[in-house]
Amino acid sequence: MHPQNLLLTLAQLYPTGDSPRFFKGYGTTLGLLMWAASIYTIMGLTFHKINKKRAAMEETSDGMTDRELAELGNNSPHFRYTT
């Protein structure tokens, strides 16, 4: 985001007439914080579920060579997601 856009946004969220409480600004900030926390939680749970599936798949890929596993890329059972 460009600094000019940020200044315009902040001027709308924290107008001097709302001081000292700034309900609109703090409410927006809290809402964005809760949204980010929920997205991060969903992402972590999804990655955990995918990693469990890949751990089970790793046992069945014993017959594959290292080259074949490397060619799978992100679909390789050795590939893990981290957060």
Protein backbone atom coordinates (compact mmCIF):
# COMPACT_ATOMS: atom_id res chain seq x y z
CA MET A 1 0.00 0.00 0.00
CA HIS A 2 1.30 3.44 -0.85
CA PRO A 3 1.91 5.84 2.05
CA GLN A 4 -0.62 8.33 0.64
CA ASN A 5 -3.37 5.69 0.65
CA LEU A 6 -2.47 4.69 4.19
CA LEU A 7 -2.71 8.29 5.41
CA LEU A 8 -6.11 8.73 3.77
CA THR A 9 -7.37 5.50 5.34
CA LEU A 10 -6.06 6.40 8.79
CA ALA A 11 -7.64 9.84 8.58
CA GLN A 12 -11.01 8.15 8.01
CA LEU A 13 -10.58 5.54 10.75
CA TYR A 14 -9.21 7.87 13.44
CA PRO A 15 -10.84 11.29 12.96
CA THR A 16 -10.02 13.89 15.61
CA GLY A 17 -13.73 14.26 16.42
CA ASP A 18 -13.80 10.71 17.79
CA SER A 19 -10.96 11.26 20.26
CA PRO A 20 -10.11 9.96 22.81
CA ARG A 21 -12.00 6.69 22.20
CA PHE A 22 -11.80 6.10 18.41
CA PHE A 23 -14.43 3.33 18.34
CA LYS A 24 -14.41 3.11 14.53
CA GLY A 25 -10.62 2.82 14.26
CA TYR A 26 -10.18 0.35 17.10
CA GLY A 27 -13.18 -1.70 15.96
CA THR A 28 -11.77 -1.97 12.45
CA THR A 29 -8.35 -2.92 13.78
CA LEU A 30 -9.83 -5.54 16.10
CA GLY A 31 -11.96 -6.94 13.27
CA LEU A 32 -8.95 -7.29 10.98
CA LEU A 33 -6.97 -8.91 13.78
CA MET A 34 -9.73 -11.47 14.38
CA TRP A 35 -9.99 -12.14 10.63
CA ALA A 36 -6.23 -12.73 10.39
CA ALA A 37 -6.27 -15.03 13.45
CA SER A 38 -9.11 -17.11 11.98
CA ILE A 39 -7.38 -17.40 8.59
CA TYR A 40 -4.13 -18.45 10.29
CA THR A 41 -5.99 -21.05 12.37
CA ILE A 42 -7.77 -22.48 9.32
CA MET A 43 -4.48 -22.57 7.41
CA GLY A 44 -2.71 -24.38 10.27
CA LEU A 45 -5.47 -26.97 10.61
CA THR A 46 -5.55 -27.55 6.86
CA PHE A 47 -1.78 -28.01 6.68
CA HIS A 48 -1.88 -30.41 9.61
CA LYS A 49 -4.56 -32.49 7.87
CA ILE A 50 -2.60 -32.57 4.59
CA ASN A 51 0.60 -33.54 6.42
CA LYS A 52 -1.21 -36.45 8.14
CA LYS A 53 -2.39 -37.72 4.74
CA ARG A 54 1.13 -37.46 3.36
CA ALA A 55 2.55 -39.35 6.34
CA ALA A 56 0.17 -42.21 5.57
CA MET A 57 1.04 -41.97 1.88
CA GLU A 58 4.77 -42.14 2.67
CA GLU A 59 4.43 -45.77 3.74
CA THR A 60 2.98 -46.74 0.37
CA SER A 61 5.70 -44.95 -1.63
CA ASP A 62 8.50 -47.28 -0.54
CA GLY A 63 8.79 -48.80 -4.02
CA MET A 64 9.50 -45.43 -5.70
CA THR A 65 13.03 -44.26 -6.49
CA ASP A 66 14.39 -40.96 -5.24
CA ARG A 67 14.19 -39.54 -8.75
CA GLU A 68 10.51 -40.46 -9.09
CA LEU A 69 9.77 -38.87 -5.72
CA ALA A 70 11.68 -35.72 -6.73
CA GLU A 71 9.67 -35.49 -9.96
CA LEU A 72 6.45 -35.39 -7.93
CA GLY A 73 7.46 -31.97 -6.54
CA ASN A 74 4.88 -30.68 -4.07
CA ASN A 75 2.89 -33.89 -4.46
CA SER A 76 5.75 -35.93 -3.04
CA PRO A 77 4.89 -37.70 0.22
CA HIS A 78 8.12 -36.27 1.66
CA PHE A 79 6.94 -32.68 1.12
CA ARG A 80 5.55 -31.08 4.30
CA TYR A 81 3.77 -27.79 4.93
CA THR A 82 4.92 -25.66 7.85
CA THR A 83 3.52 -22.57 9.51
